[in-house]
């Protein structure tokens, strides 16, 4: 997972290949809800290691073979959650929730 994760955040072509579109989840920003499509995808450049933990809390755990990440601020309306799952021995982003209220 570590080598996949590092490449996922530095190689935009690899990243698009490793997102299972249509990806489950959605964005909620300023009261607007939208789904994720390949056409409007923005590259994820930062893994948990690059998140400023003086501002955001981070979590990573594995549940039923799925690696789940959360980046959030308590009681703020800010949450990012991502799930990575393995298919045919390769990791993919399968869920992405982005909430900024």
PDB file of N, CA and C in Angstrom:
ATOM      1  N   UNK A   1       0.817  -1.200   0.000  1.00  0.00           N
ATOM      2  CA  UNK A   1       0.000   0.000   0.000  1.00  0.00           C
ATOM      3  C   UNK A   1       0.859   1.263   0.000  1.00  0.00           C
ATOM      4  N   UNK A   2       1.955   1.242   0.722  1.00  0.00           N
ATOM      5  CA  UNK A   2       2.787   2.441   0.847  1.00  0.00           C
ATOM      6  C   UNK A   2       3.301   2.927  -0.502  1.00  0.00           C
ATOM      7  N   UNK A   3       3.813   2.037  -1.338  1.00  0.00           N
ATOM      8  CA  UNK A   3       4.339   2.474  -2.636  1.00  0.00           C
ATOM      9  C   UNK A   3       3.203   2.970  -3.539  1.00  0.00           C
ATOM     10  N   UNK A   4       2.051   2.300  -3.523  1.00  0.00           N
ATOM     11  CA  UNK A   4       0.883   2.780  -4.265  1.00  0.00           C
ATOM     12  C   UNK A   4       0.512   4.182  -3.796  1.00  0.00           C
ATOM     13  N   UNK A   5       0.429   4.380  -2.504  1.00  0.00           N
ATOM     14  CA  UNK A   5      -0.025   5.632  -1.901  1.00  0.00           C
ATOM     15  C   UNK A   5       0.900   6.793  -2.286  1.00  0.00           C
ATOM     16  N   UNK A   6       2.196   6.551  -2.242  1.00  0.00           N
ATOM     17  CA  UNK A   6       3.156   7.598  -2.610  1.00  0.00           C
ATOM     18  C   UNK A   6       3.020   7.963  -4.086  1.00  0.00           C
ATOM     19  N   UNK A   7       2.930   6.967  -4.948  1.00  0.00           N
ATOM     20  CA  UNK A   7       2.793   7.229  -6.382  1.00  0.00           C
ATOM     21  C   UNK A   7       1.446   7.891  -6.686  1.00  0.00           C
ATOM     22  N   UNK A   8       0.404   7.486  -6.001  1.00  0.00           N
ATOM     23  CA  UNK A   8      -0.934   8.049  -6.180  1.00  0.00           C
ATOM     24  C   UNK A   8      -0.920   9.563  -5.996  1.00  0.00           C
ATOM     25  N   UNK A   9      -0.127  10.063  -5.071  1.00  0.00           N
ATOM     26  CA  UNK A   9      -0.100  11.493  -4.763  1.00  0.00           C
ATOM     27  C   UNK A   9       0.916  12.286  -5.577  1.00  0.00           C
ATOM     28  N   UNK A  10       1.752  11.636  -6.351  1.00  0.00           N
ATOM     29  CA  UNK A  10       2.738  12.390  -7.134  1.00  0.00           C
ATOM     30  C   UNK A  10       2.582  12.223  -8.643  1.00  0.00           C
ATOM     31  N   UNK A  11       1.801  11.246  -9.107  1.00  0.00           N
ATOM     32  CA  UNK A  11       1.673  10.948 -10.534  1.00  0.00           C
ATOM     33  C   UNK A  11       0.204  11.073 -10.947  1.00  0.00           C
ATOM     34  N   UNK A  12      -0.133  12.155 -11.635  1.00  0.00           N
ATOM     35  CA  UNK A  12      -1.532  12.442 -11.965  1.00  0.00           C
ATOM     36  C   UNK A  12      -2.145  11.394 -12.899  1.00  0.00           C
ATOM     37  N   UNK A  13      -1.391  10.896 -13.857  1.00  0.00           N
ATOM     38  CA  UNK A  13      -1.929   9.875 -14.763  1.00  0.00           C
ATOM     39  C   UNK A  13      -2.216   8.583 -14.015  1.00  0.00           C
ATOM     40  N   UNK A  14      -1.294   8.189 -13.155  1.00  0.00           N
ATOM     41  CA  UNK A  14      -1.481   6.999 -12.336  1.00  0.00           C
ATOM     42  C   UNK A  14      -2.714   7.166 -11.442  1.00  0.00           C
ATOM     43  N   UNK A  15      -2.852   8.358 -10.871  1.00  0.00           N
ATOM     44  CA  UNK A  15      -3.977   8.601  -9.973  1.00  0.00           C
ATOM     45  C   UNK A  15      -5.307   8.399 -10.694  1.00  0.00           C
ATOM     46  N   UNK A  16      -5.473   8.981 -11.861  1.00  0.00           N
ATOM     47  CA  UNK A  16      -6.734   8.847 -12.595  1.00  0.00           C
ATOM     48  C   UNK A  16      -6.998   7.377 -12.949  1.00  0.00           C
ATOM     49  N   UNK A  17      -5.951   6.629 -13.236  1.00  0.00           N
ATOM     50  CA  UNK A  17      -6.104   5.202 -13.538  1.00  0.00           C
ATOM     51  C   UNK A  17      -6.537   4.416 -12.310  1.00  0.00           C
ATOM     52  N   UNK A  18      -6.224   4.922 -11.122  1.00  0.00           N
ATOM     53  CA  UNK A  18      -6.494   4.189  -9.889  1.00  0.00           C
ATOM     54  C   UNK A  18      -7.649   4.754  -9.079  1.00  0.00           C
ATOM     55  N   UNK A  19      -8.503   5.521  -9.720  1.00  0.00           N
ATOM     56  CA  UNK A  19      -9.768   5.945  -9.116  1.00  0.00           C
ATOM     57  C   UNK A  19     -10.864   5.160  -9.820  1.00  0.00           C
ATOM     58  N   UNK A  20     -11.694   4.479  -9.063  1.00  0.00           N
ATOM     59  CA  UNK A  20     -12.790   3.682  -9.633  1.00  0.00           C
ATOM     60  C   UNK A  20     -13.974   4.602  -9.923  1.00  0.00           C
ATOM     61  N   UNK A  21     -13.988   5.158 -11.145  1.00  0.00           N
ATOM     62  CA  UNK A  21     -15.086   6.035 -11.557  1.00  0.00           C
ATOM     63  C   UNK A  21     -16.275   5.197 -12.004  1.00  0.00           C
ATOM     64  N   UNK A  22     -17.493   5.598 -11.712  1.00  0.00           N
ATOM     65  CA  UNK A  22     -17.807   6.757 -10.869  1.00  0.00           C
ATOM     66  C   UNK A  22     -17.514   6.426  -9.414  1.00  0.00           C
ATOM     67  N   UNK A  23     -16.700   7.254  -8.790  1.00  0.00           N
ATOM     68  CA  UNK A  23     -16.293   7.006  -7.414  1.00  0.00           C
ATOM     69  C   UNK A  23     -17.470   7.287  -6.484  1.00  0.00           C
ATOM     70  N   UNK A  24     -17.658   6.427  -5.504  1.00  0.00           N
ATOM     71  CA  UNK A  24     -18.690   6.641  -4.493  1.00  0.00           C
ATOM     72  C   UNK A  24     -18.321   7.858  -3.656  1.00  0.00           C
ATOM     73  N   UNK A  25     -19.330   8.548  -3.179  1.00  0.00           N
ATOM     74  CA  UNK A  25     -19.120   9.729  -2.362  1.00  0.00           C
ATOM     75  C   UNK A  25     -19.531  10.972  -3.117  1.00  0.00           C
ATOM     76  N   UNK A  26     -19.276  12.111  -2.513  1.00  0.00           N
ATOM     77  CA  UNK A  26     -19.697  13.371  -3.111  1.00  0.00           C
ATOM     78  C   UNK A  26     -19.003  14.517  -2.397  1.00  0.00           C
ATOM     79  N   UNK A  27     -19.173  15.705  -2.953  1.00  0.00           N
ATOM     80  CA  UNK A  27     -18.650  16.928  -2.345  1.00  0.00           C
ATOM     81  C   UNK A  27     -19.821  17.768  -1.866  1.00  0.00           C
ATOM     82  N   UNK A  28     -19.682  18.311  -0.675  1.00  0.00           N
ATOM     83  CA  UNK A  28     -20.653  19.272  -0.158  1.00  0.00           C
ATOM     84  C   UNK A  28     -19.846  20.513   0.200  1.00  0.00           C
ATOM     85  N   UNK A  29     -20.126  21.577  -0.524  1.00  0.00           N
ATOM     86  CA  UNK A  29     -19.376  22.804  -0.293  1.00  0.00           C
ATOM     87  C   UNK A  29     -20.322  23.979  -0.470  1.00  0.00           C
ATOM     88  N   UNK A  30     -20.466  24.772   0.586  1.00  0.00           N
ATOM     89  CA  UNK A  30     -21.332  25.932   0.531  1.00  0.00           C
ATOM     90  C   UNK A  30     -22.776  25.596   0.198  1.00  0.00           C
ATOM     91  N   UNK A  31     -23.259  24.446   0.678  1.00  0.00           N
ATOM     92  CA  UNK A  31     -24.628  24.045   0.427  1.00  0.00           C
ATOM     93  C   UNK A  31     -24.853  23.371  -0.914  1.00  0.00           C
ATOM     94  N   UNK A  32     -23.820  23.258  -1.727  1.00  0.00           N
ATOM     95  CA  UNK A  32     -23.918  22.619  -3.039  1.00  0.00           C
ATOM     96  C   UNK A  32     -23.385  21.193  -2.946  1.00  0.00           C
ATOM     97  N   UNK A  33     -24.138  20.233  -3.492  1.00  0.00           N
ATOM     98  CA  UNK A  33     -23.728  18.831  -3.489  1.00  0.00           C
ATOM     99  C   UNK A  33     -23.411  18.421  -4.917  1.00  0.00           C
ATOM    100  N   UNK A  34     -22.262  17.780  -5.108  1.00  0.00           N
ATOM    101  CA  UNK A  34     -21.890  17.306  -6.440  1.00  0.00           C
ATOM    102  C   UNK A  34     -21.204  15.950  -6.335  1.00  0.00           C
ATOM    103  N   UNK A  35     -21.269  15.204  -7.432  1.00  0.00           N
ATOM    104  CA  UNK A  35     -20.637  13.884  -7.511  1.00  0.00           C
ATOM    105  C   UNK A  35     -19.265  14.033  -8.173  1.00  0.00           C
ATOM    106  N   UNK A  36     -18.472  12.990  -8.057  1.00  0.00           N
ATOM    107  CA  UNK A  36     -17.131  12.993  -8.652  1.00  0.00           C
ATOM    108  C   UNK A  36     -17.177  12.329 -10.025  1.00  0.00           C
ATOM    109  N   UNK A  37     -16.634  13.009 -11.011  1.00  0.00           N
ATOM    110  CA  UNK A  37     -16.519  12.428 -12.345  1.00  0.00           C
ATOM    111  C   UNK A  37     -15.073  12.530 -12.805  1.00  0.00           C
ATOM    112  N   UNK A  38     -14.738  11.737 -13.778  1.00  0.00           N
ATOM    113  CA  UNK A  38     -13.380  11.758 -14.318  1.00  0.00           C
ATOM    114  C   UNK A  38     -13.071  13.125 -14.941  1.00  0.00           C
ATOM    115  N   UNK A  39     -14.073  13.743 -15.539  1.00  0.00           N
ATOM    116  CA  UNK A  39     -13.877  15.018 -16.231  1.00  0.00           C
ATOM    117  C   UNK A  39     -13.570  16.179 -15.287  1.00  0.00           C
ATOM    118  N   UNK A  40     -14.094  16.146 -14.072  1.00  0.00           N
ATOM    119  CA  UNK A  40     -13.842  17.265 -13.156  1.00  0.00           C
ATOM    120  C   UNK A  40     -12.940  16.888 -11.979  1.00  0.00           C
ATOM    121  N   UNK A  41     -12.213  15.796 -12.124  1.00  0.00           N
ATOM    122  CA  UNK A  41     -11.341  15.321 -11.050  1.00  0.00           C
ATOM    123  C   UNK A  41     -10.189  16.287 -10.819  1.00  0.00           C
ATOM    124  N   UNK A  42      -9.906  16.606  -9.576  1.00  0.00           N
ATOM    125  CA  UNK A  42      -8.735  17.393  -9.186  1.00  0.00           C
ATOM    126  C   UNK A  42      -7.762  16.469  -8.478  1.00  0.00           C
ATOM    127  N   UNK A  43      -6.520  16.556  -8.872  1.00  0.00           N
ATOM    128  CA  UNK A  43      -5.514  15.655  -8.321  1.00  0.00           C
ATOM    129  C   UNK A  43      -5.375  15.836  -6.819  1.00  0.00           C
ATOM    130  N   UNK A  44      -5.288  14.718  -6.125  1.00  0.00           N
ATOM    131  CA  UNK A  44      -4.984  14.701  -4.696  1.00  0.00           C
ATOM    132  C   UNK A  44      -3.462  14.689  -4.569  1.00  0.00           C
ATOM    133  N   UNK A  45      -2.904  15.763  -4.064  1.00  0.00           N
ATOM    134  CA  UNK A  45      -1.447  15.894  -3.990  1.00  0.00           C
ATOM    135  C   UNK A  45      -0.886  15.555  -2.618  1.00  0.00           C
ATOM    136  N   UNK A  46      -1.745  15.555  -1.593  1.00  0.00           N
ATOM    137  CA  UNK A  46      -1.259  15.358  -0.229  1.00  0.00           C
ATOM    138  C   UNK A  46      -1.830  14.101   0.405  1.00  0.00           C
ATOM    139  N   UNK A  47      -0.923  13.270   0.897  1.00  0.00           N
ATOM    140  CA  UNK A  47      -1.324  12.147   1.721  1.00  0.00           C
ATOM    141  C   UNK A  47      -1.431  12.617   3.162  1.00  0.00           C
ATOM    142  N   UNK A  48      -1.782  11.713   4.043  1.00  0.00           N
ATOM    143  CA  UNK A  48      -1.931  12.093   5.459  1.00  0.00           C
ATOM    144  C   UNK A  48      -0.656  12.680   6.037  1.00  0.00           C
ATOM    145  N   UNK A  49       0.485  12.238   5.549  1.00  0.00           N
ATOM    146  CA  UNK A  49       1.763  12.705   6.094  1.00  0.00           C
ATOM    147  C   UNK A  49       2.004  14.188   5.831  1.00  0.00           C
ATOM    148  N   UNK A  50       1.338  14.759   4.813  1.00  0.00           N
ATOM    149  CA  UNK A  50       1.530  16.159   4.470  1.00  0.00           C
ATOM    150  C   UNK A  50       0.478  17.078   5.105  1.00  0.00           C
ATOM    151  N   UNK A  51      -0.450  16.534   5.847  1.00  0.00           N
ATOM    152  CA  UNK A  51      -1.514  17.333   6.459  1.00  0.00           C
ATOM    153  C   UNK A  51      -0.992  18.028   7.716  1.00  0.00           C
ATOM    154  N   UNK A  52      -1.311  19.281   7.866  1.00  0.00           N
ATOM    155  CA  UNK A  52      -0.907  20.055   9.042  1.00  0.00           C
ATOM    156  C   UNK A  52      -1.747  19.613  10.235  1.00  0.00           C
ATOM    157  N   UNK A  53      -1.163  18.794  11.094  1.00  0.00           N
ATOM    158  CA  UNK A  53      -1.904  18.236  12.225  1.00  0.00           C
ATOM    159  C   UNK A  53      -2.084  19.240  13.373  1.00  0.00           C
ATOM    160  N   UNK A  54      -1.549  20.443  13.224  1.00  0.00           N
ATOM    161  CA  UNK A  54      -1.865  21.486  14.206  1.00  0.00           C
ATOM    162  C   UNK A  54      -3.217  22.133  13.865  1.00  0.00           C
ATOM    163  N   UNK A  55      -3.705  21.883  12.645  1.00  0.00           N
ATOM    164  CA  UNK A  55      -4.977  22.437  12.194  1.00  0.00           C
ATOM    165  C   UNK A  55      -6.041  21.344  12.067  1.00  0.00           C
ATOM    166  N   UNK A  56      -5.646  20.186  11.525  1.00  0.00           N
ATOM    167  CA  UNK A  56      -6.585  19.097  11.245  1.00  0.00           C
ATOM    168  C   UNK A  56      -6.222  17.843  12.035  1.00  0.00           C
ATOM    169  N   UNK A  57      -7.226  17.063  12.373  1.00  0.00           N
ATOM    170  CA  UNK A  57      -7.026  15.738  12.953  1.00  0.00           C
ATOM    171  C   UNK A  57      -7.020  14.741  11.805  1.00  0.00           C
ATOM    172  N   UNK A  58      -6.231  13.690  11.930  1.00  0.00           N
ATOM    173  CA  UNK A  58      -6.177  12.670  10.880  1.00  0.00           C
ATOM    174  C   UNK A  58      -6.314  11.286  11.506  1.00  0.00           C
ATOM    175  N   UNK A  59      -6.892  10.390  10.727  1.00  0.00           N
ATOM    176  CA  UNK A  59      -7.031   8.992  11.146  1.00  0.00           C
ATOM    177  C   UNK A  59      -6.824   8.105   9.920  1.00  0.00           C
ATOM    178  N   UNK A  60      -6.250   6.953  10.131  1.00  0.00           N
ATOM    179  CA  UNK A  60      -6.180   5.927   9.094  1.00  0.00           C
ATOM    180  C   UNK A  60      -6.386   4.590   9.788  1.00  0.00           C
ATOM    181  N   UNK A  61      -7.273   3.786   9.248  1.00  0.00           N
ATOM    182  CA  UNK A  61      -7.484   2.458   9.793  1.00  0.00           C
ATOM    183  C   UNK A  61      -7.943   1.532   8.686  1.00  0.00           C
ATOM    184  N   UNK A  62      -7.772   0.257   8.933  1.00  0.00           N
ATOM    185  CA  UNK A  62      -8.189  -0.755   7.980  1.00  0.00           C
ATOM    186  C   UNK A  62      -9.384  -1.497   8.539  1.00  0.00           C
ATOM    187  N   UNK A  63     -10.389  -1.656   7.710  1.00  0.00           N
ATOM    188  CA  UNK A  63     -11.595  -2.366   8.105  1.00  0.00           C
ATOM    189  C   UNK A  63     -12.041  -3.222   6.923  1.00  0.00           C
ATOM    190  N   UNK A  64     -12.063  -4.531   7.118  1.00  0.00           N
ATOM    191  CA  UNK A  64     -12.512  -5.475   6.093  1.00  0.00           C
ATOM    192  C   UNK A  64     -11.728  -5.326   4.792  1.00  0.00           C
ATOM    193  N   UNK A  65     -10.415  -5.120   4.894  1.00  0.00           N
ATOM    194  CA  UNK A  65      -9.564  -5.002   3.716  1.00  0.00           C
ATOM    195  C   UNK A  65      -9.616  -3.650   3.030  1.00  0.00           C
ATOM    196  N   UNK A  66     -10.336  -2.688   3.605  1.00  0.00           N
ATOM    197  CA  UNK A  66     -10.433  -1.337   3.052  1.00  0.00           C
ATOM    198  C   UNK A  66      -9.661  -0.392   3.966  1.00  0.00           C
ATOM    199  N   UNK A  67      -8.782   0.393   3.387  1.00  0.00           N
ATOM    200  CA  UNK A  67      -8.046   1.389   4.170  1.00  0.00           C
ATOM    201  C   UNK A  67      -8.840   2.691   4.106  1.00  0.00           C
ATOM    202  N   UNK A  68      -9.202   3.180   5.277  1.00  0.00           N
ATOM    203  CA  UNK A  68     -10.027   4.380   5.384  1.00  0.00           C
ATOM    204  C   UNK A  68      -9.207   5.500   6.015  1.00  0.00           C
ATOM    205  N   UNK A  69      -9.335   6.689   5.447  1.00  0.00           N
ATOM    206  CA  UNK A  69      -8.659   7.872   5.973  1.00  0.00           C
ATOM    207  C   UNK A  69      -9.684   8.952   6.262  1.00  0.00           C
ATOM    208  N   UNK A  70      -9.419   9.703   7.316  1.00  0.00           N
ATOM    209  CA  UNK A  70     -10.273  10.846   7.655  1.00  0.00           C
ATOM    210  C   UNK A  70      -9.381  12.030   8.021  1.00  0.00           C
ATOM    211  N   UNK A  71      -9.739  13.183   7.485  1.00  0.00           N
ATOM    212  CA  UNK A  71      -9.094  14.448   7.810  1.00  0.00           C
ATOM    213  C   UNK A  71     -10.229  15.377   8.227  1.00  0.00           C
ATOM    214  N   UNK A  72     -10.145  15.969   9.411  1.00  0.00           N
ATOM    215  CA  UNK A  72     -11.282  16.754   9.881  1.00  0.00           C
ATOM    216  C   UNK A  72     -10.883  17.732  10.973  1.00  0.00           C
ATOM    217  N   UNK A  73     -11.806  18.641  11.234  1.00  0.00           N
ATOM    218  CA  UNK A  73     -11.729  19.528  12.381  1.00  0.00           C
ATOM    219  C   UNK A  73     -12.977  19.270  13.208  1.00  0.00           C
ATOM    220  N   UNK A  74     -12.802  18.999  14.478  1.00  0.00           N
ATOM    221  CA  UNK A  74     -13.923  18.697  15.357  1.00  0.00           C
ATOM    222  C   UNK A  74     -14.924  19.848  15.383  1.00  0.00           C
ATOM    223  N   UNK A  75     -16.199  19.497  15.234  1.00  0.00           N
ATOM    224  CA  UNK A  75     -17.310  20.455  15.318  1.00  0.00           C
ATOM    225  C   UNK A  75     -17.149  21.656  14.385  1.00  0.00           C
ATOM    226  N   UNK A  76     -16.597  21.427  13.183  1.00  0.00           N
ATOM    227  CA  UNK A  76     -16.352  22.550  12.283  1.00  0.00           C
ATOM    228  C   UNK A  76     -17.092  22.447  10.958  1.00  0.00           C
ATOM    229  N   UNK A  77     -17.605  21.268  10.617  1.00  0.00           N
ATOM    230  CA  UNK A  77     -18.204  21.086   9.305  1.00  0.00           C
ATOM    231  C   UNK A  77     -17.182  20.810   8.226  1.00  0.00           C
ATOM    232  N   UNK A  78     -15.953  20.486   8.635  1.00  0.00           N
ATOM    233  CA  UNK A  78     -14.888  20.161   7.692  1.00  0.00           C
ATOM    234  C   UNK A  78     -14.544  18.681   7.835  1.00  0.00           C
ATOM    235  N   UNK A  79     -14.662  17.936   6.717  1.00  0.00           N
ATOM    236  CA  UNK A  79     -14.362  16.502   6.731  1.00  0.00           C
ATOM    237  C   UNK A  79     -13.955  16.052   5.336  1.00  0.00           C
ATOM    238  N   UNK A  80     -12.881  15.311   5.275  1.00  0.00           N
ATOM    239  CA  UNK A  80     -12.484  14.603   4.058  1.00  0.00           C
ATOM    240  C   UNK A  80     -12.329  13.143   4.462  1.00  0.00           C
ATOM    241  N   UNK A  81     -12.980  12.272   3.713  1.00  0.00           N
ATOM    242  CA  UNK A  81     -12.854  10.836   3.984  1.00  0.00           C
ATOM    243  C   UNK A  81     -12.588  10.128   2.667  1.00  0.00           C
ATOM    244  N   UNK A  82     -11.601   9.237   2.688  1.00  0.00           N
ATOM    245  CA  UNK A  82     -11.261   8.460   1.494  1.00  0.00           C
ATOM    246  C   UNK A  82     -11.138   6.994   1.874  1.00  0.00           C
ATOM    247  N   UNK A  83     -11.554   6.136   0.944  1.00  0.00           N
ATOM    248  CA  UNK A  83     -11.411   4.690   1.118  1.00  0.00           C
ATOM    249  C   UNK A  83     -10.610   4.144  -0.050  1.00  0.00           C
ATOM    250  N   UNK A  84      -9.657   3.280   0.262  1.00  0.00           N
ATOM    251  CA  UNK A  84      -8.858   2.599  -0.744  1.00  0.00           C
ATOM    252  C   UNK A  84      -9.121   1.102  -0.626  1.00  0.00           C
ATOM    253  N   UNK A  85      -9.394   0.462  -1.761  1.00  0.00           N
ATOM    254  CA  UNK A  85      -9.710  -0.965  -1.788  1.00  0.00           C
ATOM    255  C   UNK A  85      -8.859  -1.649  -2.836  1.00  0.00           C
ATOM    256  N   UNK A  86      -8.652  -2.940  -2.641  1.00  0.00           N
ATOM    257  CA  UNK A  86      -7.846  -3.730  -3.561  1.00  0.00           C
ATOM    258  C   UNK A  86      -8.743  -4.515  -4.515  1.00  0.00           C
ATOM    259  N   UNK A  87      -8.422  -4.440  -5.811  1.00  0.00           N
ATOM    260  CA  UNK A  87      -9.081  -5.219  -6.848  1.00  0.00           C
ATOM    261  C   UNK A  87      -8.005  -5.832  -7.715  1.00  0.00           C
ATOM    262  N   UNK A  88      -8.093  -7.131  -7.931  1.00  0.00           N
ATOM    263  CA  UNK A  88      -7.112  -7.856  -8.741  1.00  0.00           C
ATOM    264  C   UNK A  88      -5.686  -7.481  -8.344  1.00  0.00           C
ATOM    265  N   UNK A  89      -5.459  -7.462  -7.027  1.00  0.00           N
ATOM    266  CA  UNK A  89      -4.146  -7.210  -6.433  1.00  0.00           C
ATOM    267  C   UNK A  89      -3.609  -5.796  -6.676  1.00  0.00           C
ATOM    268  N   UNK A  90      -4.490  -4.832  -6.976  1.00  0.00           N
ATOM    269  CA  UNK A  90      -4.088  -3.439  -7.145  1.00  0.00           C
ATOM    270  C   UNK A  90      -5.001  -2.551  -6.299  1.00  0.00           C
ATOM    271  N   UNK A  91      -4.406  -1.499  -5.714  1.00  0.00           N
ATOM    272  CA  UNK A  91      -5.157  -0.559  -4.889  1.00  0.00           C
ATOM    273  C   UNK A  91      -5.837   0.498  -5.744  1.00  0.00           C
ATOM    274  N   UNK A  92      -7.055   0.887  -5.329  1.00  0.00           N
ATOM    275  CA  UNK A  92      -7.836   1.918  -6.001  1.00  0.00           C
ATOM    276  C   UNK A  92      -8.513   2.799  -4.953  1.00  0.00           C
ATOM    277  N   UNK A  93      -8.724   4.067  -5.302  1.00  0.00           N
ATOM    278  CA  UNK A  93      -9.579   4.932  -4.506  1.00  0.00           C
ATOM    279  C   UNK A  93     -11.013   4.584  -4.883  1.00  0.00           C
ATOM    280  N   UNK A  94     -11.830   4.221  -3.895  1.00  0.00           N
ATOM    281  CA  UNK A  94     -13.196   3.772  -4.175  1.00  0.00           C
ATOM    282  C   UNK A  94     -14.272   4.639  -3.519  1.00  0.00           C
ATOM    283  N   UNK A  95     -13.878   5.528  -2.623  1.00  0.00           N
ATOM    284  CA  UNK A  95     -14.834   6.402  -1.949  1.00  0.00           C
ATOM    285  C   UNK A  95     -14.137   7.697  -1.595  1.00  0.00           C
ATOM    286  N   UNK A  96     -14.821   8.820  -1.835  1.00  0.00           N
ATOM    287  CA  UNK A  96     -14.252  10.121  -1.511  1.00  0.00           C
ATOM    288  C   UNK A  96     -15.377  11.059  -1.080  1.00  0.00           C
ATOM    289  N   UNK A  97     -15.310  11.506   0.142  1.00  0.00           N
ATOM    290  CA  UNK A  97     -16.275  12.456   0.698  1.00  0.00           C
ATOM    291  C   UNK A  97     -15.527  13.718   1.073  1.00  0.00           C
ATOM    292  N   UNK A  98     -16.034  14.858   0.603  1.00  0.00           N
ATOM    293  CA  UNK A  98     -15.401  16.154   0.823  1.00  0.00           C
ATOM    294  C   UNK A  98     -16.475  17.100   1.333  1.00  0.00           C
ATOM    295  N   UNK A  99     -16.377  17.506   2.593  1.00  0.00           N
ATOM    296  CA  UNK A  99     -17.393  18.362   3.195  1.00  0.00           C
ATOM    297  C   UNK A  99     -16.727  19.624   3.744  1.00  0.00           C
ATOM    298  N   UNK A 100     -17.138  20.773   3.226  1.00  0.00           N
ATOM    299  CA  UNK A 100     -16.725  22.063   3.758  1.00  0.00           C
ATOM    300  C   UNK A 100     -17.965  22.918   3.880  1.00  0.00           C
ATOM    301  N   UNK A 101     -18.508  22.967   5.094  1.00  0.00           N
ATOM    302  CA  UNK A 101     -19.756  23.729   5.320  1.00  0.00           C
ATOM    303  C   UNK A 101     -19.450  25.126   5.809  1.00  0.00           C
TER     304      UNK A 101
END
